[in-house]
Amino acid sequence: MSLVSALAISVGVLGGVATWLFLGPLAGGLQIWVAFIAWACFFHCGGKESGLKATILANIAGAVMAWLTLLAVSRGGLGEALGLPVWAGICVGVGVLVMILLGHLPAFAAIPAMVYGFAAMAGYSLLVTDGLANLTVPSPANPLVTVVLSLIVGAALGYVSEKVAGMLVGSGQTRRA
């Protein structure tokens, strides 16, 4: 079996099971779309253990930077004086600048993975009811908790799908066609 076919089977089956879990028994605690971002990021970061590590560290760093940025936007106090669009633009600009500069550190060198984490955190926080109000709540209602857990599970699913695909290809030989 080719690697692409094996990945199609492993990602398809695991993706279906994960979707059922996230929308069924685990509903409300994790976000399947965030997990799929991390799942794809795992492969973007090269897969294997090194891709898993790079994905998790950089995704979480990006999510934390978005969390800090959202805290500044929503609680910084200059939104009324400057106008929310200007204040949000300043906060995002500074947050992204700091996040990209983290790329100088080897643990956070996967800059696109940080951007995926930032985007997932910002998107979820802005879409969910009371997302910005719950940024400091020490519970699963805090968007940072939901996003980070979803990113970690997604990266782990990427790792598992890679291993399953390797087994389907058989005897460690992978073919691209």
N, C-alpha and C. Protein backbone atom coordinates (compact mmCIF):
# COMPACT_ATOMS: atom_id res chain seq x y z
N MET A 1 0.85 -1.18 0.00
CA MET A 1 0.00 0.00 0.00
C MET A 1 0.89 1.24 0.00
N SER A 2 0.45 2.27 -0.72
CA SER A 2 1.23 3.50 -0.76
C SER A 2 1.04 4.29 0.54
N LEU A 3 1.96 5.18 0.81
CA LEU A 3 1.89 6.01 2.01
C LEU A 3 0.66 6.91 1.98
N VAL A 4 0.36 7.49 0.83
CA VAL A 4 -0.81 8.38 0.73
C VAL A 4 -2.09 7.60 1.02
N SER A 5 -2.20 6.39 0.48
CA SER A 5 -3.38 5.56 0.74
C SER A 5 -3.46 5.19 2.22
N ALA A 6 -2.33 4.83 2.80
CA ALA A 6 -2.30 4.48 4.22
C ALA A 6 -2.68 5.67 5.09
N LEU A 7 -2.19 6.86 4.75
CA LEU A 7 -2.55 8.06 5.51
C LEU A 7 -4.04 8.39 5.33
N ALA A 8 -4.54 8.18 4.12
CA ALA A 8 -5.96 8.44 3.89
C ALA A 8 -6.82 7.57 4.80
N ILE A 9 -6.45 6.31 4.92
CA ILE A 9 -7.21 5.39 5.77
C ILE A 9 -7.04 5.77 7.25
N SER A 10 -5.80 5.95 7.70
CA SER A 10 -5.58 6.21 9.13
C SER A 10 -6.16 7.55 9.56
N VAL A 11 -5.96 8.59 8.77
CA VAL A 11 -6.49 9.91 9.14
C VAL A 11 -8.01 9.92 9.00
N GLY A 12 -8.53 9.26 7.97
CA GLY A 12 -9.97 9.20 7.79
C GLY A 12 -10.67 8.50 8.94
N VAL A 13 -10.17 7.32 9.32
CA VAL A 13 -10.80 6.57 10.41
C VAL A 13 -10.63 7.30 11.73
N LEU A 14 -9.40 7.72 12.05
CA LEU A 14 -9.19 8.43 13.31
C LEU A 14 -9.91 9.77 13.34
N GLY A 15 -9.98 10.44 12.20
CA GLY A 15 -10.71 11.70 12.13
C GLY A 15 -12.20 11.51 12.39
N GLY A 16 -12.75 10.45 11.85
CA GLY A 16 -14.16 10.15 12.11
C GLY A 16 -14.42 9.82 13.57
N VAL A 17 -13.55 9.00 14.15
CA VAL A 17 -13.70 8.65 15.56
C VAL A 17 -13.52 9.89 16.44
N ALA A 18 -12.52 10.70 16.14
CA ALA A 18 -12.28 11.91 16.93
C ALA A 18 -13.47 12.86 16.84
N THR A 19 -14.03 13.00 15.66
CA THR A 19 -15.19 13.89 15.49
C THR A 19 -16.36 13.38 16.31
N TRP A 20 -16.62 12.09 16.27
CA TRP A 20 -17.69 11.51 17.08
C TRP A 20 -17.45 11.78 18.56
N LEU A 21 -16.22 11.56 19.03
CA LEU A 21 -15.90 11.79 20.44
C LEU A 21 -16.07 13.26 20.82
N PHE A 22 -15.53 14.16 19.99
CA PHE A 22 -15.57 15.59 20.32
C PHE A 22 -16.99 16.14 20.29
N LEU A 23 -17.82 15.62 19.39
CA LEU A 23 -19.20 16.11 19.28
C LEU A 23 -20.17 15.31 20.13
N GLY A 24 -19.74 14.14 20.58
CA GLY A 24 -20.59 13.27 21.38
C GLY A 24 -20.16 13.26 22.84
N PRO A 25 -19.48 12.18 23.25
CA PRO A 25 -19.13 12.03 24.68
C PRO A 25 -18.28 13.17 25.26
N LEU A 26 -17.46 13.81 24.46
CA LEU A 26 -16.60 14.89 24.96
C LEU A 26 -17.11 16.27 24.58
N ALA A 27 -18.36 16.36 24.14
CA ALA A 27 -18.92 17.62 23.63
C ALA A 27 -18.75 18.75 24.65
N GLY A 28 -18.31 19.88 24.12
CA GLY A 28 -18.14 21.07 24.94
C GLY A 28 -16.78 21.21 25.59
N GLY A 29 -16.06 20.11 25.74
CA GLY A 29 -14.76 20.17 26.40
C GLY A 29 -13.61 20.39 25.45
N LEU A 30 -13.75 19.92 24.22
CA LEU A 30 -12.70 20.05 23.22
C LEU A 30 -13.32 20.52 21.90
N GLN A 31 -12.49 21.08 21.04
CA GLN A 31 -12.94 21.58 19.74
C GLN A 31 -12.27 20.79 18.63
N ILE A 32 -13.07 20.10 17.82
CA ILE A 32 -12.52 19.26 16.76
C ILE A 32 -11.75 20.08 15.73
N TRP A 33 -12.23 21.26 15.41
CA TRP A 33 -11.54 22.06 14.40
C TRP A 33 -10.16 22.51 14.89
N VAL A 34 -10.03 22.75 16.18
CA VAL A 34 -8.72 23.11 16.75
C VAL A 34 -7.81 21.89 16.71
N ALA A 35 -8.35 20.73 17.04
CA ALA A 35 -7.55 19.49 16.98
C ALA A 35 -7.07 19.22 15.56
N PHE A 36 -7.91 19.46 14.57
CA PHE A 36 -7.49 19.24 13.18
C PHE A 36 -6.38 20.20 12.77
N ILE A 37 -6.40 21.43 13.29
CA ILE A 37 -5.30 22.36 13.00
C ILE A 37 -3.99 21.78 13.52
N ALA A 38 -3.98 21.30 14.76
CA ALA A 38 -2.76 20.73 15.34
C ALA A 38 -2.38 19.43 14.63
N TRP A 39 -3.35 18.66 14.22
CA TRP A 39 -3.10 17.40 13.50
C TRP A 39 -2.35 17.70 12.21
N ALA A 40 -2.83 18.67 11.44
CA ALA A 40 -2.14 19.05 10.21
C ALA A 40 -0.76 19.65 10.52
N CYS A 41 -0.70 20.42 11.59
CA CYS A 41 0.56 21.04 11.99
C CYS A 41 1.62 19.99 12.30
N PHE A 42 1.21 18.88 12.90
CA PHE A 42 2.13 17.79 13.20
C PHE A 42 2.85 17.35 11.92
N PHE A 43 2.10 17.16 10.85
CA PHE A 43 2.71 16.75 9.58
C PHE A 43 3.52 17.90 8.97
N HIS A 44 3.04 19.13 9.12
CA HIS A 44 3.78 20.29 8.63
C HIS A 44 5.14 20.42 9.31
N CYS A 45 5.20 20.02 10.58
CA CYS A 45 6.45 20.08 11.35
C CYS A 45 7.32 18.85 11.14
N GLY A 46 6.99 18.00 10.19
CA GLY A 46 7.86 16.88 9.83
C GLY A 46 7.49 15.54 10.44
N GLY A 47 6.46 15.50 11.28
CA GLY A 47 6.04 14.23 11.86
C GLY A 47 7.05 13.69 12.85
N LYS A 48 6.89 12.43 13.18
CA LYS A 48 7.75 11.73 14.14
C LYS A 48 7.71 12.42 15.51
N GLU A 49 8.58 12.01 16.39
CA GLU A 49 8.63 12.59 17.73
C GLU A 49 9.03 14.06 17.70
N SER A 50 9.94 14.41 16.80
CA SER A 50 10.37 15.81 16.72
C SER A 50 9.24 16.72 16.25
N GLY A 51 8.41 16.25 15.32
CA GLY A 51 7.26 17.03 14.86
C GLY A 51 6.21 17.17 15.95
N LEU A 52 6.04 16.11 16.73
CA LEU A 52 5.09 16.15 17.84
C LEU A 52 5.52 17.21 18.86
N LYS A 53 6.80 17.17 19.22
CA LYS A 53 7.33 18.13 20.19
C LYS A 53 7.23 19.56 19.66
N ALA A 54 7.65 19.77 18.42
CA ALA A 54 7.61 21.11 17.83
C ALA A 54 6.18 21.62 17.76
N THR A 55 5.25 20.75 17.37
CA THR A 55 3.85 21.15 17.26
C THR A 55 3.30 21.57 18.60
N ILE A 56 3.46 20.73 19.60
CA ILE A 56 2.87 21.02 20.91
C ILE A 56 3.47 22.28 21.50
N LEU A 57 4.77 22.41 21.51
CA LEU A 57 5.41 23.60 22.10
C LEU A 57 5.02 24.88 21.38
N ALA A 58 5.09 24.86 20.06
CA ALA A 58 4.80 26.08 19.30
C ALA A 58 3.31 26.40 19.31
N ASN A 59 2.44 25.40 19.17
CA ASN A 59 0.99 25.66 19.24
C ASN A 59 0.61 26.29 20.57
N ILE A 60 1.14 25.74 21.65
CA ILE A 60 0.82 26.28 22.98
C ILE A 60 1.37 27.69 23.13
N ALA A 61 2.59 27.93 22.66
CA ALA A 61 3.16 29.28 22.73
C ALA A 61 2.29 30.27 21.98
N GLY A 62 1.83 29.90 20.81
CA GLY A 62 0.95 30.78 20.04
C GLY A 62 -0.37 31.04 20.74
N ALA A 63 -0.94 29.99 21.32
CA ALA A 63 -2.21 30.14 22.04
C ALA A 63 -2.03 31.05 23.25
N VAL A 64 -0.93 30.91 23.96
CA VAL A 64 -0.66 31.76 25.13
C VAL A 64 -0.46 33.21 24.69
N MET A 65 0.23 33.42 23.58
CA MET A 65 0.42 34.79 23.09
C MET A 65 -0.91 35.41 22.69
N ALA A 66 -1.79 34.63 22.08
CA ALA A 66 -3.12 35.14 21.74
C ALA A 66 -3.91 35.45 23.01
N TRP A 67 -3.79 34.59 24.01
CA TRP A 67 -4.47 34.81 25.29
C TRP A 67 -4.02 36.13 25.91
N LEU A 68 -2.70 36.34 25.95
CA LEU A 68 -2.17 37.60 26.50
C LEU A 68 -2.65 38.79 25.68
N THR A 69 -2.67 38.64 24.37
CA THR A 69 -3.13 39.72 23.49
C THR A 69 -4.60 40.02 23.75
N LEU A 70 -5.43 38.97 23.87
CA LEU A 70 -6.85 39.17 24.13
C LEU A 70 -7.09 39.81 25.50
N LEU A 71 -6.27 39.45 26.47
CA LEU A 71 -6.36 40.10 27.78
C LEU A 71 -6.07 41.60 27.65
N ALA A 72 -5.04 41.93 26.90
CA ALA A 72 -4.68 43.34 26.70
C ALA A 72 -5.80 44.09 25.97
N VAL A 73 -6.36 43.47 24.94
CA VAL A 73 -7.44 44.12 24.18
C VAL A 73 -8.66 44.34 25.06
N SER A 74 -9.06 43.29 25.78
CA SER A 74 -10.33 43.35 26.51
C SER A 74 -10.22 44.02 27.88
N ARG A 75 -9.02 44.09 28.44
CA ARG A 75 -8.89 44.64 29.79
C ARG A 75 -7.83 45.75 29.88
N GLY A 76 -7.25 46.10 28.75
CA GLY A 76 -6.17 47.09 28.74
C GLY A 76 -6.62 48.51 28.98
N GLY A 77 -7.89 48.79 28.77
CA GLY A 77 -8.42 50.11 29.10
C GLY A 77 -8.28 51.18 28.04
N LEU A 78 -7.56 50.93 26.97
CA LEU A 78 -7.39 51.97 25.96
C LEU A 78 -8.35 51.83 24.78
N GLY A 79 -9.18 50.80 24.80
CA GLY A 79 -10.14 50.59 23.72
C GLY A 79 -11.11 51.75 23.57
N GLU A 80 -11.56 52.28 24.68
CA GLU A 80 -12.50 53.41 24.62
C GLU A 80 -11.80 54.69 24.17
N ALA A 81 -10.60 54.93 24.68
CA ALA A 81 -9.89 56.17 24.35
C ALA A 81 -9.42 56.20 22.90
N LEU A 82 -8.87 55.07 22.43
CA LEU A 82 -8.32 55.02 21.07
C LEU A 82 -9.32 54.52 20.03
N GLY A 83 -10.35 53.89 20.50
CA GLY A 83 -11.26 53.17 19.61
C GLY A 83 -10.81 51.72 19.56
N LEU A 84 -11.76 50.82 19.69
CA LEU A 84 -11.41 49.40 19.77
C LEU A 84 -10.61 48.90 18.58
N PRO A 85 -10.95 49.26 17.34
CA PRO A 85 -10.14 48.75 16.22
C PRO A 85 -8.66 49.17 16.30
N VAL A 86 -8.40 50.40 16.71
CA VAL A 86 -7.01 50.87 16.82
C VAL A 86 -6.32 50.13 17.96
N TRP A 87 -6.97 50.07 19.13
CA TRP A 87 -6.37 49.41 20.28
C TRP A 87 -6.12 47.93 19.99
N ALA A 88 -7.10 47.25 19.39
CA ALA A 88 -6.93 45.83 19.05
C ALA A 88 -5.79 45.66 18.06
N GLY A 89 -5.69 46.54 17.08
CA GLY A 89 -4.61 46.47 16.11
C GLY A 89 -3.24 46.62 16.75
N ILE A 90 -3.13 47.54 17.68
CA ILE A 90 -1.87 47.74 18.40
C ILE A 90 -1.52 46.48 19.21
N CYS A 91 -2.50 45.97 19.94
CA CYS A 91 -2.26 44.78 20.78
C CYS A 91 -1.88 43.57 19.94
N VAL A 92 -2.59 43.35 18.85
CA VAL A 92 -2.26 42.21 17.98
C VAL A 92 -0.88 42.40 17.37
N GLY A 93 -0.58 43.61 16.93
CA GLY A 93 0.74 43.87 16.36
C GLY A 93 1.87 43.56 17.33
N VAL A 94 1.73 44.01 18.56
CA VAL A 94 2.75 43.75 19.58
C VAL A 94 2.79 42.26 19.92
N GLY A 95 1.61 41.64 20.09
CA GLY A 95 1.56 40.21 20.42
C GLY A 95 2.21 39.35 19.35
N VAL A 96 1.92 39.64 18.11
CA VAL A 96 2.50 38.86 17.00
C VAL A 96 4.00 39.13 16.90
N LEU A 97 4.42 40.36 17.09
CA LEU A 97 5.85 40.68 17.07
C LEU A 97 6.60 39.85 18.10
N VAL A 98 6.10 39.84 19.33
CA VAL A 98 6.75 39.06 20.40
C VAL A 98 6.72 37.57 20.05
N MET A 99 5.59 37.09 19.56
CA MET A 99 5.47 35.68 19.21
C MET A 99 6.50 35.28 18.15
N ILE A 100 6.63 36.06 17.12
CA ILE A 100 7.57 35.73 16.04
C ILE A 100 9.01 35.79 16.56
N LEU A 101 9.31 36.75 17.43
CA LEU A 101 10.65 36.83 18.01
C LEU A 101 10.98 35.59 18.84
N LEU A 102 9.96 34.93 19.40
CA LEU A 102 10.19 33.68 20.12
C LEU A 102 10.81 32.62 19.20
N GLY A 103 10.62 32.79 17.90
CA GLY A 103 11.18 31.85 16.93
C GLY A 103 12.70 31.77 16.99
N HIS A 104 13.34 32.74 17.64
CA HIS A 104 14.79 32.67 17.83
C HIS A 104 15.18 31.54 18.78
N LEU A 105 14.25 31.14 19.64
CA LEU A 105 14.52 30.05 20.59
C LEU A 105 14.21 28.72 19.91
N PRO A 106 15.12 27.76 19.99
CA PRO A 106 14.92 26.49 19.30
C PRO A 106 13.58 25.80 19.62
N ALA A 107 13.11 25.90 20.84
CA ALA A 107 11.85 25.25 21.21
C ALA A 107 10.66 25.84 20.46
N PHE A 108 10.79 27.07 19.98
CA PHE A 108 9.68 27.75 19.30
C PHE A 108 10.02 28.12 17.86
N ALA A 109 10.93 27.39 17.27
CA ALA A 109 11.39 27.69 15.91
C ALA A 109 10.33 27.43 14.85
N ALA A 110 9.32 26.65 15.15
CA ALA A 110 8.25 26.35 14.19
C ALA A 110 7.25 27.51 14.21
N ILE A 111 7.65 28.62 13.60
CA ILE A 111 6.84 29.84 13.64
C ILE A 111 5.44 29.63 13.08
N PRO A 112 5.26 28.94 11.94
CA PRO A 112 3.88 28.72 11.48
C PRO A 112 3.03 27.99 12.52
N ALA A 113 3.62 27.08 13.27
CA ALA A 113 2.87 26.36 14.30
C ALA A 113 2.42 27.31 15.41
N MET A 114 3.23 28.32 15.71
CA MET A 114 2.80 29.31 16.70
C MET A 114 1.64 30.12 16.15
N VAL A 115 1.70 30.46 14.87
CA VAL A 115 0.61 31.22 14.25
C VAL A 115 -0.69 30.41 14.27
N TYR A 116 -0.61 29.11 14.01
CA TYR A 116 -1.81 28.26 14.07
C TYR A 116 -2.40 28.28 15.48
N GLY A 117 -1.56 28.19 16.50
CA GLY A 117 -2.04 28.24 17.87
C GLY A 117 -2.66 29.58 18.21
N PHE A 118 -2.03 30.66 17.76
CA PHE A 118 -2.55 32.02 17.97
C PHE A 118 -3.91 32.15 17.32
N ALA A 119 -4.02 31.74 16.07
CA ALA A 119 -5.27 31.87 15.32
C ALA A 119 -6.38 31.03 15.95
N ALA A 120 -6.06 29.81 16.37
CA ALA A 120 -7.08 28.96 16.99
C ALA A 120 -7.58 29.58 18.28
N MET A 121 -6.69 30.10 19.09
CA MET A 121 -7.08 30.71 20.36
C MET A 121 -7.91 31.96 20.13
N ALA A 122 -7.46 32.83 19.24
CA ALA A 122 -8.20 34.06 18.96
C ALA A 122 -9.57 33.72 18.36
N GLY A 123 -9.60 32.81 17.40
CA GLY A 123 -10.86 32.45 16.77
C GLY A 123 -11.86 31.88 17.75
N TYR A 124 -11.43 30.93 18.55
CA TYR A 124 -12.34 30.30 19.51
C TYR A 124 -12.81 31.32 20.54
N SER A 125 -11.91 32.13 21.05
CA SER A 125 -12.27 33.11 22.07
C SER A 125 -13.29 34.13 21.57
N LEU A 126 -13.17 34.49 20.31
CA LEU A 126 -14.08 35.48 19.75
C LEU A 126 -15.41 34.88 19.30
N LEU A 127 -15.42 33.58 19.03
CA LEU A 127 -16.64 32.93 18.56
C LEU A 127 -17.53 32.39 19.67
N VAL A 128 -16.93 31.92 20.75
CA VAL A 128 -17.70 31.30 21.81
C VAL A 128 -18.34 32.37 22.70
N THR A 129 -19.56 32.10 23.13
CA THR A 129 -20.24 33.03 24.03
C THR A 129 -19.43 33.20 25.31
N ASP A 130 -19.22 34.43 25.70
CA ASP A 130 -18.48 34.78 26.92
C ASP A 130 -17.00 34.39 26.86
N GLY A 131 -16.47 34.18 25.67
CA GLY A 131 -15.06 33.80 25.55
C GLY A 131 -14.13 34.82 26.16
N LEU A 132 -14.31 36.08 25.83
CA LEU A 132 -13.44 37.11 26.38
C LEU A 132 -13.67 37.31 27.87
N ALA A 133 -14.89 37.13 28.32
CA ALA A 133 -15.20 37.28 29.74
C ALA A 133 -14.59 36.17 30.58
N ASN A 134 -14.35 35.02 29.97
CA ASN A 134 -13.84 33.85 30.70
C ASN A 134 -12.33 33.64 30.57
N LEU A 135 -11.61 34.62 30.07
CA LEU A 135 -10.17 34.46 29.85
C LEU A 135 -9.38 34.18 31.12
N THR A 136 -9.89 34.59 32.25
CA THR A 136 -9.14 34.39 33.51
C THR A 136 -9.83 33.41 34.45
N VAL A 137 -10.89 32.78 33.99
CA VAL A 137 -11.62 31.82 34.82
C VAL A 137 -10.80 30.53 34.92
N PRO A 138 -10.55 30.05 36.14
CA PRO A 138 -9.77 28.80 36.29
C PRO A 138 -10.66 27.56 36.11
N SER A 139 -11.17 27.38 34.87
CA SER A 139 -12.04 26.25 34.59
C SER A 139 -12.01 25.97 33.09
N PRO A 140 -12.65 24.89 32.67
CA PRO A 140 -12.73 24.60 31.23
C PRO A 140 -13.49 25.66 30.43
N ALA A 141 -14.20 26.57 31.11
CA ALA A 141 -14.86 27.67 30.40
C ALA A 141 -13.85 28.67 29.85
N ASN A 142 -12.62 28.62 30.37
CA ASN A 142 -11.55 29.50 29.88
C ASN A 142 -11.14 28.99 28.49
N PRO A 143 -11.23 29.84 27.47
CA PRO A 143 -10.86 29.40 26.12
C PRO A 143 -9.44 28.84 26.02
N LEU A 144 -8.52 29.35 26.83
CA LEU A 144 -7.15 28.85 26.78
C LEU A 144 -7.09 27.38 27.15
N VAL A 145 -7.86 26.97 28.14
CA VAL A 145 -7.88 25.56 28.56
C VAL A 145 -8.40 24.69 27.42
N THR A 146 -9.53 25.07 26.85
CA THR A 146 -10.13 24.29 25.76
C THR A 146 -9.20 24.20 24.56
N VAL A 147 -8.62 25.33 24.17
CA VAL A 147 -7.77 25.36 22.98
C VAL A 147 -6.48 24.56 23.20
N VAL A 148 -5.82 24.75 24.32
CA VAL A 148 -4.57 24.03 24.57
C VAL A 148 -4.81 22.52 24.61
N LEU A 149 -5.86 22.09 25.32
CA LEU A 149 -6.16 20.66 25.35
C LEU A 149 -6.49 20.12 23.96
N SER A 150 -7.25 20.87 23.19
CA SER A 150 -7.59 20.45 21.83
C SER A 150 -6.35 20.37 20.94
N LEU A 151 -5.43 21.33 21.09
CA LEU A 151 -4.18 21.31 20.31
C LEU A 151 -3.33 20.09 20.67
N ILE A 152 -3.23 19.79 21.94
CA ILE A 152 -2.42 18.64 22.37
C ILE A 152 -3.03 17.34 21.85
N VAL A 153 -4.35 17.21 21.97
CA VAL A 153 -5.01 15.99 21.48
C VAL A 153 -4.85 15.89 19.96
N GLY A 154 -4.98 16.99 19.26
CA GLY A 154 -4.81 16.98 17.81
C GLY A 154 -3.41 16.56 17.38
N ALA A 155 -2.40 17.08 18.06
CA ALA A 155 -1.02 16.69 17.75
C ALA A 155 -0.81 15.20 18.03
N ALA A 156 -1.38 14.71 19.12
CA ALA A 156 -1.27 13.28 19.45
C ALA A 156 -1.97 12.43 18.40
N LEU A 157 -3.12 12.90 17.92
CA LEU A 157 -3.81 12.17 16.85
C LEU A 157 -2.97 12.13 15.58
N GLY A 158 -2.27 13.22 15.30
CA GLY A 158 -1.37 13.21 14.15
C GLY A 158 -0.30 12.15 14.30
N TYR A 159 0.28 12.08 15.48
CA TYR A 159 1.32 11.08 15.76
C TYR A 159 0.78 9.67 15.60
N VAL A 160 -0.40 9.41 16.17
CA VAL A 160 -1.00 8.08 16.07
C VAL A 160 -1.33 7.74 14.62
N SER A 161 -1.87 8.71 13.89
CA SER A 161 -2.21 8.43 12.49
C SER A 161 -0.97 8.13 11.65
N GLU A 162 0.14 8.78 11.97
CA GLU A 162 1.40 8.49 11.27
C GLU A 162 1.85 7.07 11.57
N LYS A 163 1.76 6.66 12.83
CA LYS A 163 2.17 5.30 13.22
C LYS A 163 1.27 4.26 12.56
N VAL A 164 -0.03 4.50 12.56
CA VAL A 164 -0.96 3.55 11.93
C VAL A 164 -0.69 3.46 10.43
N ALA A 165 -0.46 4.59 9.79
CA ALA A 165 -0.14 4.58 8.36
C ALA A 165 1.13 3.79 8.10
N GLY A 166 2.13 3.95 8.96
CA GLY A 166 3.37 3.19 8.82
C GLY A 166 3.12 1.69 8.91
N MET A 167 2.25 1.29 9.80
CA MET A 167 1.91 -0.14 9.93
C MET A 167 1.16 -0.63 8.70
N LEU A 168 0.28 0.21 8.14
CA LEU A 168 -0.47 -0.19 6.96
C LEU A 168 0.43 -0.33 5.74
N VAL A 169 1.45 0.52 5.64
CA VAL A 169 2.39 0.43 4.53
C VAL A 169 3.17 -0.89 4.65
N GLY A 170 3.50 -1.22 5.89
CA GLY A 170 4.15 -2.51 6.14
C GLY A 170 5.64 -2.47 6.10
N SER A 171 6.24 -3.19 6.99
CA SER A 171 7.69 -3.44 7.12
C SER A 171 8.54 -2.19 6.98
N GLY A 172 8.00 -1.03 7.39
CA GLY A 172 8.80 0.19 7.42
C GLY A 172 9.10 0.78 6.05
N GLN A 173 8.62 0.19 4.98
CA GLN A 173 8.86 0.73 3.64
C GLN A 173 7.71 1.66 3.27
N THR A 174 8.04 2.89 2.98
CA THR A 174 7.00 3.84 2.57
C THR A 174 7.23 4.24 1.14
N ARG A 175 6.14 4.24 0.38
CA ARG A 175 6.17 4.67 -1.01
C ARG A 175 5.26 5.87 -1.15
N ARG A 176 5.60 6.83 -1.99
CA ARG A 176 4.80 8.03 -2.16
C ARG A 176 3.59 7.82 -3.08
N ALA A 177 3.62 6.90 -3.98
CA ALA A 177 2.52 6.79 -4.97
C ALA A 177 1.41 5.91 -4.49
